[in-house]
Protein backbone atom coordinates (compact mmCIF):
# COMPACT_ATOMS: atom_id res chain seq x y z
CA UNK A 1 261.54 131.66 113.37
CA UNK A 2 263.16 128.93 111.16
CA UNK A 3 262.95 131.30 108.18
CA UNK A 4 264.77 133.99 110.08
CA UNK A 5 267.61 131.73 111.01
CA UNK A 6 268.01 130.48 107.42
CA UNK A 7 268.38 134.01 106.21
CA UNK A 8 270.85 134.91 108.88
CA UNK A 9 272.99 131.83 108.18
CA UNK A 10 272.94 132.42 104.45
CA UNK A 11 273.83 136.14 104.96
CA UNK A 12 276.72 135.23 107.22
CA UNK A 13 277.84 132.57 104.75
CA UNK A 14 277.85 135.17 101.92
CA UNK A 15 279.86 137.56 104.10
CA UNK A 16 282.39 134.91 105.01
CA UNK A 17 282.80 133.95 101.32
CA UNK A 18 283.40 137.64 100.41
CA UNK A 19 285.99 137.82 103.12
CA UNK A 20 287.69 134.64 102.01
CA UNK A 21 287.75 136.02 98.44
CA UNK A 22 289.33 139.22 99.63
CA UNK A 23 291.99 137.54 101.81
CA UNK A 24 292.99 134.91 99.32
CA UNK A 25 293.29 137.25 96.35
CA UNK A 26 290.23 135.82 94.63
CA UNK A 27 290.87 132.08 95.05
CA UNK A 28 287.51 131.50 96.75
CA UNK A 29 284.91 133.18 94.46
CA UNK A 30 281.28 132.47 93.73
CA UNK A 31 280.14 129.07 94.87
CA UNK A 32 283.29 127.78 96.48
CA UNK A 33 283.42 130.94 98.67
CA UNK A 34 279.84 130.56 99.59
CA UNK A 35 280.24 126.87 100.31
CA UNK A 36 283.19 127.54 102.64
CA UNK A 37 281.25 130.39 104.27
CA UNK A 38 278.22 128.21 104.73
CA UNK A 39 280.30 125.42 106.31
CA UNK A 40 281.83 127.93 108.78
CA UNK A 41 278.44 129.55 109.53
CA UNK A 42 276.65 126.22 110.19
CA UNK A 43 279.53 124.89 112.28
CA UNK A 44 279.54 128.05 114.34
CA UNK A 45 275.73 127.98 114.81
CA UNK A 46 275.72 124.31 115.98
CA UNK A 47 278.57 124.91 118.42
CA UNK A 48 276.97 128.02 119.90
CA UNK A 49 274.69 128.08 122.87
CA UNK A 50 272.05 129.74 120.81
CA UNK A 51 271.42 126.52 118.94
CA UNK A 52 270.21 124.90 122.15
CA UNK A 53 267.40 127.38 122.65
CA UNK A 54 263.87 125.92 122.29
């Protein structure tokens, strides 16, 4: 189960990074876009009720 959540968070981070790159005209590309996406994805995960499930 832990592997699945890792894959989902990384996929979500990648998508957020791509979206940031498109919205900012390429300012957030590559690692910086992924880093921002990862921060948003992890923040959203820990604030969601799903993170409280056993």
